[in-house]
Amino acid sequence: MYFFLTQLSFSDILLSTTIVPNMLHIVLYEGSSVSLISCLTQYFFFSASGILETFILTVMSYDRYQAICHPLHYTSVMDLTFCLRFFLLSLLIIFVVIVVLSVPMTYLWFCGPNIIDHFFCDRDPILELSCSDTFIIEAESMFLMVPLAICPFTVIIVSYIYIISTILKIPSTMGRQKTFSTCSSHLTVVAMHYGSAFSIYLFPNSVHVKKILSLLYTVITPFLNPIIYSLSNKDITQAYKKLLSQLSRTFLVLCLPFFSLKK
């Protein structure tokens, strides 16, 4: 699990560094200029980080399935060799997908307006500016949606069906709560990741709504992921409570003279 958390952090850092700097430049200067190559490069890195996070969340659900449903086989199945093979296979698949998407998009012809109504270069805003026929690219995207999004999401759902059925068989309430608590952080991240992604790409929304959902997907979710997983660690939770206690005492010490003077 910690190996996959490391890869999830890498994916979040890649996503944030791809989107946030240019977004801050747009906010500060009310717009930004970017070349076509830079725009496509941002889109490709954004797609790569999103696909990588999807794969990592999928294998993390399989990791929880093995730990809860087959605990005796866990160490033999989820060993370092399996983790490294999965990560390298994910990188290979991402490279192939990026090549498949990049070749048709580099041949697009842009003859009309060149203003992207978004804070980063996503697929739909780029295709809306193209004067070429984008049917092939849209068909490729819909075809790739099945192995890259629908299938991983199905694996997560099936894994948690088995996990919940196993948890319900535990006789003690304390045992059920303790076992399910190991999955709560992962479920929260999965809900944020797939909820925002499906809302953007599978359901028709206005441009304004898509911008808000994209902000949740590209900025807020990577920011919250470390916090969500950190709070499930007892040592970090205790350190967090200790920090809050110290801040509260410091705040009271600073405010006591003020209240004394007012009295």
Protein backbone atom coordinates (compact mmCIF):
# COMPACT_ATOMS: atom_id res chain seq x y z
CA MET A 1 0.00 0.00 0.00
CA TYR A 2 2.81 2.45 0.81
CA PHE A 3 4.44 1.69 -2.54
CA PHE A 4 1.21 2.62 -4.33
CA LEU A 5 0.78 5.71 -2.16
CA THR A 6 4.21 6.81 -3.37
CA GLN A 7 3.12 6.40 -6.98
CA LEU A 8 -0.15 8.21 -6.24
CA SER A 9 1.84 11.12 -4.82
CA PHE A 10 4.00 11.13 -7.95
CA SER A 11 0.87 11.26 -10.11
CA ASP A 12 -0.59 14.14 -8.06
CA ILE A 13 2.66 16.11 -8.26
CA LEU A 14 2.80 15.58 -12.04
CA LEU A 15 -0.81 16.73 -12.41
CA SER A 16 -0.36 19.81 -10.21
CA THR A 17 2.89 20.94 -11.84
CA THR A 18 1.30 20.51 -15.27
CA ILE A 19 -1.80 22.61 -14.54
CA VAL A 20 -1.29 24.98 -11.60
CA PRO A 21 1.62 27.23 -12.75
CA ASN A 22 -0.08 28.25 -16.00
CA MET A 23 -3.43 28.57 -14.19
CA LEU A 24 -1.90 31.01 -11.67
CA HIS A 25 -0.41 32.99 -14.56
CA ILE A 26 -3.86 33.21 -16.16
CA VAL A 27 -5.43 34.38 -12.90
CA LEU A 28 -2.75 37.02 -12.20
CA TYR A 29 -2.59 38.46 -15.73
CA GLU A 30 -6.19 37.71 -16.82
CA GLY A 31 -5.03 35.50 -19.64
CA SER A 32 -1.98 33.77 -21.08
CA SER A 33 -0.46 33.00 -24.46
CA VAL A 34 0.73 29.50 -25.26
CA SER A 35 2.01 27.88 -28.43
CA LEU A 36 0.23 24.94 -30.01
CA ILE A 37 3.08 22.57 -29.13
CA SER A 38 3.07 23.72 -25.50
CA CYS A 39 -0.70 23.36 -25.35
CA LEU A 40 -0.61 19.82 -26.71
CA THR A 41 2.28 18.96 -24.38
CA GLN A 42 0.25 20.11 -21.39
CA TYR A 43 -2.70 18.03 -22.54
CA PHE A 44 -0.56 14.92 -22.97
CA PHE A 45 1.03 15.22 -19.50
CA PHE A 46 -2.41 15.92 -18.02
CA SER A 47 -3.78 12.80 -19.68
CA ALA A 48 -0.80 10.71 -18.56
CA SER A 49 -1.18 11.75 -14.91
CA GLY A 50 -4.93 11.10 -14.99
CA ILE A 51 -4.51 7.63 -16.51
CA LEU A 52 -1.73 6.78 -14.04
CA GLU A 53 -3.88 7.80 -11.07
CA THR A 54 -6.75 5.69 -12.41
CA PHE A 55 -4.52 2.61 -12.65
CA ILE A 56 -3.04 3.20 -9.20
CA LEU A 57 -6.47 3.54 -7.57
CA THR A 58 -7.50 0.32 -9.31
CA VAL A 59 -4.55 -1.72 -8.07
CA MET A 60 -5.01 -0.23 -4.59
CA SER A 61 -8.55 -1.63 -4.52
CA TYR A 62 -7.11 -5.02 -5.53
CA ASP A 63 -4.55 -4.63 -2.74
CA ARG A 64 -7.37 -4.08 -0.20
CA TYR A 65 -9.22 -7.08 -1.66
CA GLN A 66 -6.22 -9.36 -1.15
CA ALA A 67 -5.55 -8.00 2.35
CA ILE A 68 -9.14 -8.48 3.56
CA CYS A 69 -10.46 -11.43 1.55
CA HIS A 70 -7.24 -13.50 1.28
CA PRO A 71 -4.96 -12.30 4.09
CA LEU A 72 -2.88 -15.49 4.19
CA HIS A 73 -1.93 -15.11 0.51
CA TYR A 74 -1.36 -11.35 0.70
CA THR A 75 2.42 -11.32 1.11
CA SER A 76 2.93 -13.87 -1.67
CA VAL A 77 0.65 -12.08 -4.16
CA MET A 78 1.29 -8.39 -3.41
CA ASP A 79 5.08 -8.56 -3.33
CA LEU A 80 7.52 -5.97 -4.62
CA THR A 81 7.92 -7.77 -7.95
CA PHE A 82 4.17 -7.53 -8.65
CA CYS A 83 4.15 -3.83 -7.70
CA LEU A 84 7.09 -2.98 -9.95
CA ARG A 85 5.68 -4.96 -12.87
CA PHE A 86 2.32 -3.23 -12.54
CA PHE A 87 3.93 0.21 -12.41
CA LEU A 88 6.13 -0.45 -15.46
CA LEU A 89 3.17 -1.92 -17.37
CA SER A 90 1.12 1.17 -16.52
CA LEU A 91 3.86 3.45 -17.87
CA LEU A 92 4.03 1.38 -21.07
CA ILE A 93 0.26 1.59 -21.58
CA ILE A 94 0.31 5.34 -20.93
CA PHE A 95 3.10 5.82 -23.48
CA VAL A 96 1.15 3.88 -26.12
CA VAL A 97 -2.04 5.85 -25.40
CA ILE A 98 -0.20 9.18 -25.62
CA VAL A 99 1.28 8.17 -28.99
CA VAL A 100 -2.14 7.11 -30.28
CA LEU A 101 -3.68 10.42 -29.20
CA SER A 102 -0.78 12.63 -30.24
CA VAL A 103 -0.47 11.59 -33.89
CA PRO A 104 -3.97 12.70 -35.04
CA MET A 105 -3.96 15.87 -32.89
CA THR A 106 -0.69 17.11 -34.38
CA TYR A 107 -2.35 17.09 -37.83
CA LEU A 108 -5.26 19.31 -36.77
CA TRP A 109 -5.71 22.55 -38.70
CA PHE A 110 -6.51 25.71 -36.71
CA CYS A 111 -7.82 28.50 -38.89
CA GLY A 112 -10.37 30.33 -36.75
CA PRO A 113 -10.31 31.82 -33.23
CA ASN A 114 -7.39 30.86 -31.05
CA ILE A 115 -8.79 31.62 -27.58
CA ILE A 116 -9.32 28.59 -25.32
CA ASP A 117 -12.22 29.11 -22.93
CA HIS A 118 -10.53 27.16 -20.14
CA PHE A 119 -7.68 27.48 -17.65
CA PHE A 120 -5.69 24.62 -19.22
CA CYS A 121 -5.48 22.74 -22.52
CA ASP A 122 -8.02 19.93 -22.38
CA ARG A 123 -9.30 17.79 -25.24
CA ASP A 124 -12.68 19.41 -25.84
CA PRO A 125 -11.49 23.06 -25.80
CA ILE A 126 -8.73 22.20 -28.28
CA LEU A 127 -11.03 20.31 -30.63
CA GLU A 128 -13.57 23.16 -30.56
CA LEU A 129 -10.97 25.50 -32.09
CA SER A 130 -9.97 23.12 -34.88
CA CYS A 131 -11.24 23.57 -38.41
CA SER A 132 -10.44 19.94 -39.25
CA ASP A 133 -12.72 16.94 -38.96
CA THR A 134 -12.27 15.69 -35.38
CA PHE A 135 -14.42 12.57 -35.69
CA ILE A 136 -11.44 10.18 -35.61
CA ILE A 137 -9.99 11.77 -32.48
CA GLU A 138 -13.35 11.77 -30.70
CA ALA A 139 -13.92 8.14 -31.71
CA GLU A 140 -10.48 7.19 -30.41
CA SER A 141 -11.16 8.96 -27.11
CA MET A 142 -14.48 7.16 -26.65
CA PHE A 143 -12.90 3.83 -27.54
CA LEU A 144 -10.03 4.35 -25.09
CA MET A 145 -12.50 5.36 -22.39
CA VAL A 146 -13.50 1.70 -21.99
CA PRO A 147 -10.09 0.17 -21.10
CA LEU A 148 -8.78 3.29 -19.37
CA ALA A 149 -11.78 4.29 -17.24
CA ILE A 150 -14.76 1.92 -17.40
CA CYS A 151 -12.79 -1.31 -16.89
CA PRO A 152 -10.71 0.00 -13.95
CA PHE A 153 -13.87 1.38 -12.33
CA THR A 154 -15.55 -2.02 -12.77
CA VAL A 155 -12.58 -3.72 -11.10
CA ILE A 156 -12.89 -1.32 -8.15
CA ILE A 157 -16.64 -1.98 -7.81
CA VAL A 158 -16.20 -5.76 -7.97
CA SER A 159 -13.33 -5.64 -5.46
CA TYR A 160 -15.41 -3.73 -2.95
CA ILE A 161 -18.39 -6.03 -3.42
CA TYR A 162 -16.18 -8.91 -2.27
CA ILE A 163 -14.63 -6.74 0.46
CA ILE A 164 -18.01 -5.69 1.89
CA SER A 165 -19.34 -9.24 1.78
CA THR A 166 -16.24 -10.41 3.68
CA ILE A 167 -16.52 -7.61 6.25
CA LEU A 168 -20.17 -8.45 6.91
CA LYS A 169 -19.13 -11.99 7.86
CA ILE A 170 -16.92 -10.70 10.70
CA PRO A 171 -18.81 -11.46 13.94
CA SER A 172 -17.72 -8.49 16.08
CA THR A 173 -18.78 -4.90 15.39
CA MET A 174 -15.35 -3.63 16.41
CA GLY A 175 -13.70 -6.00 13.93
CA ARG A 176 -15.96 -4.83 11.11
CA GLN A 177 -15.27 -1.17 11.88
CA LYS A 178 -11.52 -1.71 12.13
CA THR A 179 -11.40 -3.63 8.85
CA PHE A 180 -13.55 -1.15 6.96
CA SER A 181 -11.48 1.78 8.26
CA THR A 182 -8.54 0.50 6.19
CA CYS A 183 -10.61 1.18 3.04
CA SER A 184 -12.22 4.52 3.98
CA SER A 185 -9.38 6.72 2.67
CA HIS A 186 -9.20 4.86 -0.63
CA LEU A 187 -12.98 5.02 -1.10
CA THR A 188 -12.95 8.78 -0.49
CA VAL A 189 -10.23 9.38 -3.08
CA VAL A 190 -11.96 7.08 -5.61
CA ALA A 191 -15.24 8.96 -5.15
CA MET A 192 -13.57 12.34 -5.76
CA HIS A 193 -11.51 11.11 -8.72
CA TYR A 194 -14.21 9.26 -10.63
CA GLY A 195 -17.05 11.56 -9.58
CA SER A 196 -15.40 14.64 -11.04
CA ALA A 197 -13.94 12.84 -14.09
CA PHE A 198 -17.22 11.18 -15.10
CA SER A 199 -19.10 14.44 -14.57
CA ILE A 200 -16.73 16.25 -16.92
CA TYR A 201 -16.34 13.73 -19.75
CA LEU A 202 -19.50 11.59 -19.72
CA PHE A 203 -22.29 14.02 -18.90
CA PRO A 204 -23.23 17.19 -20.79
CA ASN A 205 -22.52 20.30 -18.73
CA SER A 206 -22.13 23.99 -19.40
CA VAL A 207 -18.64 25.42 -19.88
CA HIS A 208 -18.80 27.15 -16.49
CA VAL A 209 -19.73 23.92 -14.71
CA LYS A 210 -16.95 22.02 -16.49
CA LYS A 211 -14.43 24.63 -15.34
CA ILE A 212 -15.49 24.19 -11.72
CA LEU A 213 -15.38 20.40 -11.98
CA SER A 214 -11.99 20.58 -13.71
CA LEU A 215 -10.70 22.72 -10.84
CA LEU A 216 -11.86 20.04 -8.41
CA TYR A 217 -10.22 17.33 -10.51
CA THR A 218 -6.89 19.02 -11.22
CA VAL A 219 -6.21 21.13 -8.10
CA ILE A 220 -8.37 20.28 -5.10
CA THR A 221 -8.22 16.47 -5.38
CA PRO A 222 -4.38 16.30 -5.55
CA PHE A 223 -4.28 18.73 -2.62
CA LEU A 224 -6.65 16.62 -0.49
CA ASN A 225 -5.20 13.19 -1.29
CA PRO A 226 -2.19 13.46 1.08
CA ILE A 227 -4.42 14.84 3.84
CA ILE A 228 -6.98 12.04 3.46
CA TYR A 229 -4.38 9.28 3.58
CA SER A 230 -2.37 10.97 6.33
CA LEU A 231 -5.33 11.23 8.67
CA SER A 232 -5.75 7.44 8.52
CA ASN A 233 -2.29 7.05 10.08
CA LYS A 234 -2.44 7.11 13.89
CA ASP A 235 0.99 8.72 14.31
CA ILE A 236 0.18 11.55 11.92
CA THR A 237 -3.26 12.01 13.52
CA GLN A 238 -1.69 12.32 16.96
CA ALA A 239 0.88 14.80 15.63
CA TYR A 240 -1.93 16.78 13.99
CA LYS A 241 -3.91 16.90 17.27
CA LYS A 242 -0.76 17.96 19.14
CA LEU A 243 -0.17 20.75 16.62
CA LEU A 244 -3.76 21.98 16.97
CA SER A 245 -3.42 21.93 20.75
CA GLN A 246 -0.22 23.98 20.59
CA LEU A 247 -1.79 26.46 18.18
CA SER A 248 -4.83 26.80 20.45
CA ARG A 249 -2.65 27.50 23.49
CA THR A 250 -0.58 30.02 21.53
CA PHE A 251 -3.74 31.74 20.33
CA LEU A 252 -5.09 31.97 23.89
CA VAL A 253 -1.80 33.38 25.20
CA LEU A 254 -1.82 36.05 22.50
CA CYS A 255 -5.47 36.93 23.06
CA LEU A 256 -5.44 37.07 26.90
CA PRO A 257 -3.81 40.54 27.10
CA PHE A 258 -6.38 41.89 24.68
CA PHE A 259 -9.29 40.57 26.70
CA SER A 260 -7.70 41.88 29.93
CA LEU A 261 -7.43 45.36 28.49
CA LYS A 262 -11.00 45.29 27.23
CA LYS A 263 -12.22 44.29 30.69
